[in-house]
Amino acid sequence: RGGRLLADDPARPPAGWAQLRPARPFQSISTFAAVVSCLSSLVEAVDQSKLAAQSAIEIREEVGRLAYDGLSLRSPEDGRVLIDQLSLDTPAAAGS
């Protein structure tokens, strides 16, 4: 009748209905979303570790001396370069 599926019991799907659709469509979608989320987290962690390795700071303490070698400083808001490759050495004052 007009291409509609009819069943004897409206609460029970017609015979063969389960064969027309996956048993748990949302399970496969949620599994896919979980895998994508895990991969995204992994990529983010790898990117952060690369950034940390590139911005390593070596600190040496020497009495009476302050020096910077190749110091760059970026704005935390937008990443804009504030200081680029500053090298500065202030020798100890006389009598130190």
PDB file of N, CA and C in Angstrom:
ATOM      1  N   ARG A   1       0.816  -1.190   0.000  1.00  0.00           N
ATOM      2  CA  ARG A   1       0.000   0.000   0.000  1.00  0.00           C
ATOM      3  C   ARG A   1       0.861   1.256   0.000  1.00  0.00           C
ATOM      4  N   GLY A   2       1.043   1.876  -1.075  1.00  0.00           N
ATOM      5  CA  GLY A   2       1.760   3.150  -1.164  1.00  0.00           C
ATOM      6  C   GLY A   2       3.218   3.056  -0.747  1.00  0.00           C
ATOM      7  N   GLY A   3       3.848   1.865  -0.780  1.00  0.00           N
ATOM      8  CA  GLY A   3       5.254   1.735  -0.445  1.00  0.00           C
ATOM      9  C   GLY A   3       5.546   1.767   1.039  1.00  0.00           C
ATOM     10  N   ARG A   4       4.538   1.769   1.903  1.00  0.00           N
ATOM     11  CA  ARG A   4       4.765   1.810   3.343  1.00  0.00           C
ATOM     12  C   ARG A   4       4.884   0.405   3.899  1.00  0.00           C
ATOM     13  N   LEU A   5       5.732   0.245   4.914  1.00  0.00           N
ATOM     14  CA  LEU A   5       5.869  -1.031   5.589  1.00  0.00           C
ATOM     15  C   LEU A   5       4.816  -1.123   6.677  1.00  0.00           C
ATOM     16  N   LEU A   6       4.140  -2.235   6.732  1.00  0.00           N
ATOM     17  CA  LEU A   6       3.117  -2.433   7.754  1.00  0.00           C
ATOM     18  C   LEU A   6       3.527  -3.608   8.628  1.00  0.00           C
ATOM     19  N   ALA A   7       3.148  -3.548   9.889  1.00  0.00           N
ATOM     20  CA  ALA A   7       3.430  -4.640  10.807  1.00  0.00           C
ATOM     21  C   ALA A   7       2.177  -4.951  11.590  1.00  0.00           C
ATOM     22  N   ASP A   8       2.085  -6.180  12.041  1.00  0.00           N
ATOM     23  CA  ASP A   8       0.932  -6.564  12.854  1.00  0.00           C
ATOM     24  C   ASP A   8       0.967  -5.840  14.197  1.00  0.00           C
ATOM     25  N   ASP A   9       2.149  -5.724  14.783  1.00  0.00           N
ATOM     26  CA  ASP A   9       2.323  -5.066  16.079  1.00  0.00           C
ATOM     27  C   ASP A   9       3.128  -3.795  15.865  1.00  0.00           C
ATOM     28  N   PRO A  10       2.529  -2.613  16.056  1.00  0.00           N
ATOM     29  CA  PRO A  10       3.237  -1.368  15.791  1.00  0.00           C
ATOM     30  C   PRO A  10       4.479  -1.189  16.679  1.00  0.00           C
ATOM     31  N   ALA A  11       4.547  -1.854  17.831  1.00  0.00           N
ATOM     32  CA  ALA A  11       5.703  -1.731  18.709  1.00  0.00           C
ATOM     33  C   ALA A  11       6.870  -2.584  18.218  1.00  0.00           C
ATOM     34  N   ARG A  12       6.625  -3.541  17.324  1.00  0.00           N
ATOM     35  CA  ARG A  12       7.658  -4.423  16.812  1.00  0.00           C
ATOM     36  C   ARG A  12       7.933  -4.061  15.353  1.00  0.00           C
ATOM     37  N   PRO A  13       9.205  -3.902  14.986  1.00  0.00           N
ATOM     38  CA  PRO A  13       9.502  -3.572  13.587  1.00  0.00           C
ATOM     39  C   PRO A  13       9.140  -4.733  12.668  1.00  0.00           C
ATOM     40  N   PRO A  14       8.873  -4.458  11.412  1.00  0.00           N
ATOM     41  CA  PRO A  14       8.523  -5.505  10.452  1.00  0.00           C
ATOM     42  C   PRO A  14       9.656  -6.517  10.292  1.00  0.00           C
ATOM     43  N   ALA A  15       9.345  -7.699   9.859  1.00  0.00           N
ATOM     44  CA  ALA A  15      10.336  -8.747   9.626  1.00  0.00           C
ATOM     45  C   ALA A  15      11.360  -8.253   8.606  1.00  0.00           C
ATOM     46  N   GLY A  16      12.632  -8.539   8.850  1.00  0.00           N
ATOM     47  CA  GLY A  16      13.692  -8.121   7.943  1.00  0.00           C
ATOM     48  C   GLY A  16      14.180  -6.699   8.170  1.00  0.00           C
ATOM     49  N   TRP A  17      13.548  -5.955   9.058  1.00  0.00           N
ATOM     50  CA  TRP A  17      13.933  -4.565   9.298  1.00  0.00           C
ATOM     51  C   TRP A  17      15.360  -4.457   9.823  1.00  0.00           C
ATOM     52  N   ALA A  18      15.767  -5.346  10.725  1.00  0.00           N
ATOM     53  CA  ALA A  18      17.107  -5.306  11.297  1.00  0.00           C
ATOM     54  C   ALA A  18      18.178  -5.515  10.231  1.00  0.00           C
ATOM     55  N   GLN A  19      17.850  -6.177   9.140  1.00  0.00           N
ATOM     56  CA  GLN A  19      18.816  -6.420   8.082  1.00  0.00           C
ATOM     57  C   GLN A  19      19.031  -5.174   7.221  1.00  0.00           C
ATOM     58  N   LEU A  20      18.138  -4.214   7.303  1.00  0.00           N
ATOM     59  CA  LEU A  20      18.238  -3.017   6.483  1.00  0.00           C
ATOM     60  C   LEU A  20      19.145  -1.951   7.101  1.00  0.00           C
ATOM     61  N   ARG A  21      19.424  -2.067   8.387  1.00  0.00           N
ATOM     62  CA  ARG A  21      20.239  -1.051   9.052  1.00  0.00           C
ATOM     63  C   ARG A  21      21.248  -1.740   9.964  1.00  0.00           C
ATOM     64  N   PRO A  22      22.383  -1.081  10.268  1.00  0.00           N
ATOM     65  CA  PRO A  22      23.358  -1.661  11.170  1.00  0.00           C
ATOM     66  C   PRO A  22      22.742  -1.874  12.552  1.00  0.00           C
ATOM     67  N   ALA A  23      23.224  -2.856  13.264  1.00  0.00           N
ATOM     68  CA  ALA A  23      22.671  -3.177  14.569  1.00  0.00           C
ATOM     69  C   ALA A  23      22.849  -2.017  15.549  1.00  0.00           C
ATOM     70  N   ARG A  24      24.020  -1.350  15.533  1.00  0.00           N
ATOM     71  CA  ARG A  24      24.291  -0.249  16.458  1.00  0.00           C
ATOM     72  C   ARG A  24      24.984   0.884  15.712  1.00  0.00           C
ATOM     73  N   PRO A  25      24.247   1.699  14.982  1.00  0.00           N
ATOM     74  CA  PRO A  25      24.905   2.743  14.187  1.00  0.00           C
ATOM     75  C   PRO A  25      25.629   3.770  15.045  1.00  0.00           C
ATOM     76  N   PHE A  26      25.110   4.083  16.223  1.00  0.00           N
ATOM     77  CA  PHE A  26      25.741   5.102  17.053  1.00  0.00           C
ATOM     78  C   PHE A  26      27.018   4.582  17.713  1.00  0.00           C
ATOM     79  N   GLN A  27      27.114   3.275  17.893  1.00  0.00           N
ATOM     80  CA  GLN A  27      28.333   2.719  18.474  1.00  0.00           C
ATOM     81  C   GLN A  27      29.502   2.939  17.526  1.00  0.00           C
ATOM     82  N   SER A  28      29.320   2.683  16.245  1.00  0.00           N
ATOM     83  CA  SER A  28      30.424   2.876  15.302  1.00  0.00           C
ATOM     84  C   SER A  28      30.772   4.354  15.152  1.00  0.00           C
ATOM     85  N   ILE A  29      29.794   5.239  15.221  1.00  0.00           N
ATOM     86  CA  ILE A  29      30.060   6.679  15.134  1.00  0.00           C
ATOM     87  C   ILE A  29      30.809   7.143  16.378  1.00  0.00           C
ATOM     88  N   SER A  30      30.374   6.684  17.558  1.00  0.00           N
ATOM     89  CA  SER A  30      31.055   7.114  18.782  1.00  0.00           C
ATOM     90  C   SER A  30      32.463   6.521  18.864  1.00  0.00           C
ATOM     91  N   THR A  31      32.657   5.314  18.354  1.00  0.00           N
ATOM     92  CA  THR A  31      33.995   4.722  18.321  1.00  0.00           C
ATOM     93  C   THR A  31      34.902   5.533  17.412  1.00  0.00           C
ATOM     94  N   PHE A  32      34.401   5.911  16.252  1.00  0.00           N
ATOM     95  CA  PHE A  32      35.159   6.745  15.312  1.00  0.00           C
ATOM     96  C   PHE A  32      35.521   8.079  15.957  1.00  0.00           C
ATOM     97  N   ALA A  33      34.548   8.707  16.636  1.00  0.00           N
ATOM     98  CA  ALA A  33      34.802   9.995  17.295  1.00  0.00           C
ATOM     99  C   ALA A  33      35.856   9.848  18.382  1.00  0.00           C
ATOM    100  N   ALA A  34      35.826   8.750  19.123  1.00  0.00           N
ATOM    101  CA  ALA A  34      36.813   8.527  20.177  1.00  0.00           C
ATOM    102  C   ALA A  34      38.214   8.360  19.587  1.00  0.00           C
ATOM    103  N   VAL A  35      38.324   7.644  18.487  1.00  0.00           N
ATOM    104  CA  VAL A  35      39.630   7.455  17.831  1.00  0.00           C
ATOM    105  C   VAL A  35      40.150   8.797  17.311  1.00  0.00           C
ATOM    106  N   VAL A  36      39.294   9.578  16.689  1.00  0.00           N
ATOM    107  CA  VAL A  36      39.696  10.893  16.182  1.00  0.00           C
ATOM    108  C   VAL A  36      40.159  11.778  17.339  1.00  0.00           C
ATOM    109  N   SER A  37      39.448  11.738  18.465  1.00  0.00           N
ATOM    110  CA  SER A  37      39.825  12.529  19.630  1.00  0.00           C
ATOM    111  C   SER A  37      41.193  12.111  20.160  1.00  0.00           C
ATOM    112  N   CYS A  38      41.433  10.806  20.244  1.00  0.00           N
ATOM    113  CA  CYS A  38      42.738  10.308  20.716  1.00  0.00           C
ATOM    114  C   CYS A  38      43.863  10.734  19.779  1.00  0.00           C
ATOM    115  N   LEU A  39      43.639  10.619  18.482  1.00  0.00           N
ATOM    116  CA  LEU A  39      44.663  11.021  17.517  1.00  0.00           C
ATOM    117  C   LEU A  39      44.927  12.522  17.589  1.00  0.00           C
ATOM    118  N   SER A  40      43.872  13.293  17.770  1.00  0.00           N
ATOM    119  CA  SER A  40      44.024  14.736  17.896  1.00  0.00           C
ATOM    120  C   SER A  40      44.855  15.088  19.121  1.00  0.00           C
ATOM    121  N   SER A  41      44.599  14.421  20.236  1.00  0.00           N
ATOM    122  CA  SER A  41      45.379  14.650  21.458  1.00  0.00           C
ATOM    123  C   SER A  41      46.839  14.269  21.253  1.00  0.00           C
ATOM    124  N   LEU A  42      47.075  13.184  20.556  1.00  0.00           N
ATOM    125  CA  LEU A  42      48.442  12.743  20.282  1.00  0.00           C
ATOM    126  C   LEU A  42      49.188  13.772  19.435  1.00  0.00           C
ATOM    127  N   VAL A  43      48.548  14.265  18.387  1.00  0.00           N
ATOM    128  CA  VAL A  43      49.174  15.263  17.510  1.00  0.00           C
ATOM    129  C   VAL A  43      49.488  16.528  18.309  1.00  0.00           C
ATOM    130  N   GLU A  44      48.562  16.954  19.152  1.00  0.00           N
ATOM    131  CA  GLU A  44      48.776  18.146  19.966  1.00  0.00           C
ATOM    132  C   GLU A  44      49.956  17.956  20.923  1.00  0.00           C
ATOM    133  N   ALA A  45      50.047  16.788  21.544  1.00  0.00           N
ATOM    134  CA  ALA A  45      51.155  16.512  22.470  1.00  0.00           C
ATOM    135  C   ALA A  45      52.496  16.509  21.737  1.00  0.00           C
ATOM    136  N   VAL A  46      52.538  15.938  20.541  1.00  0.00           N
ATOM    137  CA  VAL A  46      53.776  15.918  19.754  1.00  0.00           C
ATOM    138  C   VAL A  46      54.166  17.338  19.366  1.00  0.00           C
ATOM    139  N   ASP A  47      53.203  18.138  18.949  1.00  0.00           N
ATOM    140  CA  ASP A  47      53.489  19.529  18.585  1.00  0.00           C
ATOM    141  C   ASP A  47      54.023  20.317  19.782  1.00  0.00           C
ATOM    142  N   GLN A  48      53.437  20.115  20.955  1.00  0.00           N
ATOM    143  CA  GLN A  48      53.893  20.825  22.151  1.00  0.00           C
ATOM    144  C   GLN A  48      55.300  20.391  22.546  1.00  0.00           C
ATOM    145  N   SER A  49      55.604  19.104  22.393  1.00  0.00           N
ATOM    146  CA  SER A  49      56.948  18.643  22.751  1.00  0.00           C
ATOM    147  C   SER A  49      57.991  19.212  21.791  1.00  0.00           C
ATOM    148  N   LYS A  50      57.636  19.357  20.520  1.00  0.00           N
ATOM    149  CA  LYS A  50      58.551  19.975  19.556  1.00  0.00           C
ATOM    150  C   LYS A  50      58.793  21.432  19.924  1.00  0.00           C
ATOM    151  N   LEU A  51      57.724  22.137  20.307  1.00  0.00           N
ATOM    152  CA  LEU A  51      57.836  23.541  20.690  1.00  0.00           C
ATOM    153  C   LEU A  51      58.705  23.675  21.939  1.00  0.00           C
ATOM    154  N   ALA A  52      58.512  22.794  22.904  1.00  0.00           N
ATOM    155  CA  ALA A  52      59.315  22.834  24.127  1.00  0.00           C
ATOM    156  C   ALA A  52      60.790  22.594  23.816  1.00  0.00           C
ATOM    157  N   ALA A  53      61.076  21.699  22.906  1.00  0.00           N
ATOM    158  CA  ALA A  53      62.461  21.409  22.539  1.00  0.00           C
ATOM    159  C   ALA A  53      63.088  22.604  21.823  1.00  0.00           C
ATOM    160  N   GLN A  54      62.297  23.322  21.033  1.00  0.00           N
ATOM    161  CA  GLN A  54      62.820  24.475  20.305  1.00  0.00           C
ATOM    162  C   GLN A  54      63.049  25.664  21.219  1.00  0.00           C
ATOM    163  N   SER A  55      62.303  25.767  22.303  1.00  0.00           N
ATOM    164  CA  SER A  55      62.401  26.939  23.153  1.00  0.00           C
ATOM    165  C   SER A  55      63.119  26.631  24.468  1.00  0.00           C
ATOM    166  N   ALA A  56      63.994  25.646  24.452  1.00  0.00           N
ATOM    167  CA  ALA A  56      64.733  25.300  25.663  1.00  0.00           C
ATOM    168  C   ALA A  56      65.615  26.465  26.085  1.00  0.00           C
ATOM    169  N   ILE A  57      65.656  26.693  27.378  1.00  0.00           N
ATOM    170  CA  ILE A  57      66.460  27.784  27.924  1.00  0.00           C
ATOM    171  C   ILE A  57      67.574  27.188  28.761  1.00  0.00           C
ATOM    172  N   GLU A  58      68.784  27.613  28.480  1.00  0.00           N
ATOM    173  CA  GLU A  58      69.927  27.180  29.278  1.00  0.00           C
ATOM    174  C   GLU A  58      70.245  28.293  30.269  1.00  0.00           C
ATOM    175  N   ILE A  59      70.300  27.938  31.532  1.00  0.00           N
ATOM    176  CA  ILE A  59      70.594  28.918  32.575  1.00  0.00           C
ATOM    177  C   ILE A  59      71.900  28.533  33.248  1.00  0.00           C
ATOM    178  N   ARG A  60      72.830  29.493  33.269  1.00  0.00           N
ATOM    179  CA  ARG A  60      74.093  29.316  33.994  1.00  0.00           C
ATOM    180  C   ARG A  60      74.245  30.500  34.933  1.00  0.00           C
ATOM    181  N   GLU A  61      74.576  30.219  36.140  1.00  0.00           N
ATOM    182  CA  GLU A  61      74.760  31.288  37.123  1.00  0.00           C
ATOM    183  C   GLU A  61      76.239  31.598  37.282  1.00  0.00           C
ATOM    184  N   GLU A  62      76.573  32.867  37.095  1.00  0.00           N
ATOM    185  CA  GLU A  62      77.939  33.341  37.287  1.00  0.00           C
ATOM    186  C   GLU A  62      77.855  34.621  38.108  1.00  0.00           C
ATOM    187  N   VAL A  63      78.607  34.679  39.163  1.00  0.00           N
ATOM    188  CA  VAL A  63      78.592  35.851  40.046  1.00  0.00           C
ATOM    189  C   VAL A  63      79.048  37.078  39.273  1.00  0.00           C
ATOM    190  N   GLY A  64      78.262  38.158  39.375  1.00  0.00           N
ATOM    191  CA  GLY A  64      78.649  39.434  38.783  1.00  0.00           C
ATOM    192  C   GLY A  64      78.462  39.517  37.278  1.00  0.00           C
ATOM    193  N   ARG A  65      77.768  38.610  36.662  1.00  0.00           N
ATOM    194  CA  ARG A  65      77.600  38.648  35.209  1.00  0.00           C
ATOM    195  C   ARG A  65      76.149  38.370  34.838  1.00  0.00           C
ATOM    196  N   LEU A  66      75.666  39.136  33.875  1.00  0.00           N
ATOM    197  CA  LEU A  66      74.347  38.904  33.309  1.00  0.00           C
ATOM    198  C   LEU A  66      74.521  38.852  31.799  1.00  0.00           C
ATOM    199  N   ALA A  67      74.069  37.773  31.181  1.00  0.00           N
ATOM    200  CA  ALA A  67      74.228  37.644  29.724  1.00  0.00           C
ATOM    201  C   ALA A  67      73.022  36.941  29.114  1.00  0.00           C
ATOM    202  N   TYR A  68      72.693  37.351  27.906  1.00  0.00           N
ATOM    203  CA  TYR A  68      71.675  36.699  27.088  1.00  0.00           C
ATOM    204  C   TYR A  68      72.316  36.390  25.751  1.00  0.00           C
ATOM    205  N   ASP A  69      72.039  35.228  25.221  1.00  0.00           N
ATOM    206  CA  ASP A  69      72.601  34.857  23.922  1.00  0.00           C
ATOM    207  C   ASP A  69      71.485  34.303  23.043  1.00  0.00           C
ATOM    208  N   GLY A  70      71.067  35.081  22.062  1.00  0.00           N
ATOM    209  CA  GLY A  70      70.032  34.650  21.130  1.00  0.00           C
ATOM    210  C   GLY A  70      68.650  34.586  21.759  1.00  0.00           C
ATOM    211  N   LEU A  71      68.349  35.490  22.709  1.00  0.00           N
ATOM    212  CA  LEU A  71      67.062  35.490  23.404  1.00  0.00           C
ATOM    213  C   LEU A  71      65.966  36.053  22.513  1.00  0.00           C
ATOM    214  N   SER A  72      64.874  35.312  22.382  1.00  0.00           N
ATOM    215  CA  SER A  72      63.691  35.799  21.666  1.00  0.00           C
ATOM    216  C   SER A  72      62.512  35.719  22.617  1.00  0.00           C
ATOM    217  N   LEU A  73      61.642  36.698  22.541  1.00  0.00           N
ATOM    218  CA  LEU A  73      60.484  36.768  23.420  1.00  0.00           C
ATOM    219  C   LEU A  73      59.254  37.036  22.569  1.00  0.00           C
ATOM    220  N   ARG A  74      58.205  36.248  22.808  1.00  0.00           N
ATOM    221  CA  ARG A  74      56.958  36.410  22.052  1.00  0.00           C
ATOM    222  C   ARG A  74      55.812  36.755  22.985  1.00  0.00           C
ATOM    223  N   SER A  75      54.843  37.464  22.457  1.00  0.00           N
ATOM    224  CA  SER A  75      53.643  37.799  23.216  1.00  0.00           C
ATOM    225  C   SER A  75      52.807  36.537  23.430  1.00  0.00           C
ATOM    226  N   PRO A  76      52.341  36.284  24.660  1.00  0.00           N
ATOM    227  CA  PRO A  76      51.522  35.092  24.892  1.00  0.00           C
ATOM    228  C   PRO A  76      50.134  35.191  24.256  1.00  0.00           C
ATOM    229  N   GLU A  77      49.669  36.410  23.997  1.00  0.00           N
ATOM    230  CA  GLU A  77      48.331  36.566  23.419  1.00  0.00           C
ATOM    231  C   GLU A  77      48.259  36.158  21.948  1.00  0.00           C
ATOM    232  N   ASP A  78      49.196  36.691  21.158  1.00  0.00           N
ATOM    233  CA  ASP A  78      49.101  36.448  19.714  1.00  0.00           C
ATOM    234  C   ASP A  78      50.381  35.893  19.095  1.00  0.00           C
ATOM    235  N   GLY A  79      51.401  35.643  19.908  1.00  0.00           N
ATOM    236  CA  GLY A  79      52.635  35.065  19.394  1.00  0.00           C
ATOM    237  C   GLY A  79      53.537  36.046  18.673  1.00  0.00           C
ATOM    238  N   ARG A  80      53.184  37.330  18.723  1.00  0.00           N
ATOM    239  CA  ARG A  80      53.966  38.376  18.050  1.00  0.00           C
ATOM    240  C   ARG A  80      55.345  38.463  18.683  1.00  0.00           C
ATOM    241  N   VAL A  81      56.379  38.647  17.874  1.00  0.00           N
ATOM    242  CA  VAL A  81      57.757  38.737  18.357  1.00  0.00           C
ATOM    243  C   VAL A  81      57.959  40.095  19.031  1.00  0.00           C
ATOM    244  N   LEU A  82      58.372  40.049  20.309  1.00  0.00           N
ATOM    245  CA  LEU A  82      58.664  41.269  21.054  1.00  0.00           C
ATOM    246  C   LEU A  82      60.166  41.558  21.058  1.00  0.00           C
ATOM    247  N   ILE A  83      60.971  40.527  21.245  1.00  0.00           N
ATOM    248  CA  ILE A  83      62.432  40.622  21.192  1.00  0.00           C
ATOM    249  C   ILE A  83      62.906  39.475  20.317  1.00  0.00           C
ATOM    250  N   ASP A  84      63.818  39.768  19.376  1.00  0.00           N
ATOM    251  CA  ASP A  84      64.274  38.728  18.459  1.00  0.00           C
ATOM    252  C   ASP A  84      65.793  38.597  18.506  1.00  0.00           C
ATOM    253  N   GLN A  85      66.261  37.437  18.962  1.00  0.00           N
ATOM    254  CA  GLN A  85      67.682  37.076  18.960  1.00  0.00           C
ATOM    255  C   GLN A  85      68.569  38.102  19.676  1.00  0.00           C
ATOM    256  N   LEU A  86      68.161  38.527  20.876  1.00  0.00           N
ATOM    257  CA  LEU A  86      68.952  39.483  21.654  1.00  0.00           C
ATOM    258  C   LEU A  86      70.170  38.778  22.248  1.00  0.00           C
ATOM    259  N   SER A  87      71.327  39.381  22.056  1.00  0.00           N
ATOM    260  CA  SER A  87      72.547  38.923  22.698  1.00  0.00           C
ATOM    261  C   SER A  87      73.116  40.097  23.478  1.00  0.00           C
ATOM    262  N   LEU A  88      73.378  39.864  24.760  1.00  0.00           N
ATOM    263  CA  LEU A  88      73.802  40.936  25.653  1.00  0.00           C
ATOM    264  C   LEU A  88      74.720  40.331  26.696  1.00  0.00           C
ATOM    265  N   ASP A  89      75.801  41.036  27.015  1.00  0.00           N
ATOM    266  CA  ASP A  89      76.718  40.549  28.041  1.00  0.00           C
ATOM    267  C   ASP A  89      77.146  41.739  28.891  1.00  0.00           C
ATOM    268  N   THR A  90      76.882  41.679  30.170  1.00  0.00           N
ATOM    269  CA  THR A  90      77.316  42.735  31.079  1.00  0.00           C
ATOM    270  C   THR A  90      78.402  42.143  31.970  1.00  0.00           C
ATOM    271  N   PRO A  91      79.648  42.553  31.746  1.00  0.00           N
ATOM    272  CA  PRO A  91      80.748  42.007  32.543  1.00  0.00           C
ATOM    273  C   PRO A  91      80.653  42.455  34.000  1.00  0.00           C
ATOM    274  N   ALA A  92      81.352  41.739  34.835  1.00  0.00           N
ATOM    275  CA  ALA A  92      81.374  42.070  36.261  1.00  0.00           C
ATOM    276  C   ALA A  92      81.958  43.467  36.448  1.00  0.00           C
ATOM    277  N   ALA A  93      81.442  44.170  37.409  1.00  0.00           N
ATOM    278  CA  ALA A  93      81.931  45.529  37.707  1.00  0.00           C
ATOM    279  C   ALA A  93      83.311  45.431  38.353  1.00  0.00           C
ATOM    280  N   ALA A  94      84.086  46.464  38.217  1.00  0.00           N
ATOM    281  CA  ALA A  94      85.428  46.478  38.799  1.00  0.00           C
ATOM    282  C   ALA A  94      85.324  46.302  40.321  1.00  0.00           C
ATOM    283  N   GLY A  95      86.180  45.480  40.898  1.00  0.00           N
ATOM    284  CA  GLY A  95      86.170  45.240  42.327  1.00  0.00           C
ATOM    285  C   GLY A  95      85.275  44.099  42.733  1.00  0.00           C
ATOM    286  N   SER A  96      84.663  43.403  41.797  1.00  0.00           N
ATOM    287  CA  SER A  96      83.778  42.283  42.146  1.00  0.00           C
ATOM    288  C   SER A  96      84.561  41.018  42.313  1.00  0.00           C
TER     289      SER A  96
END
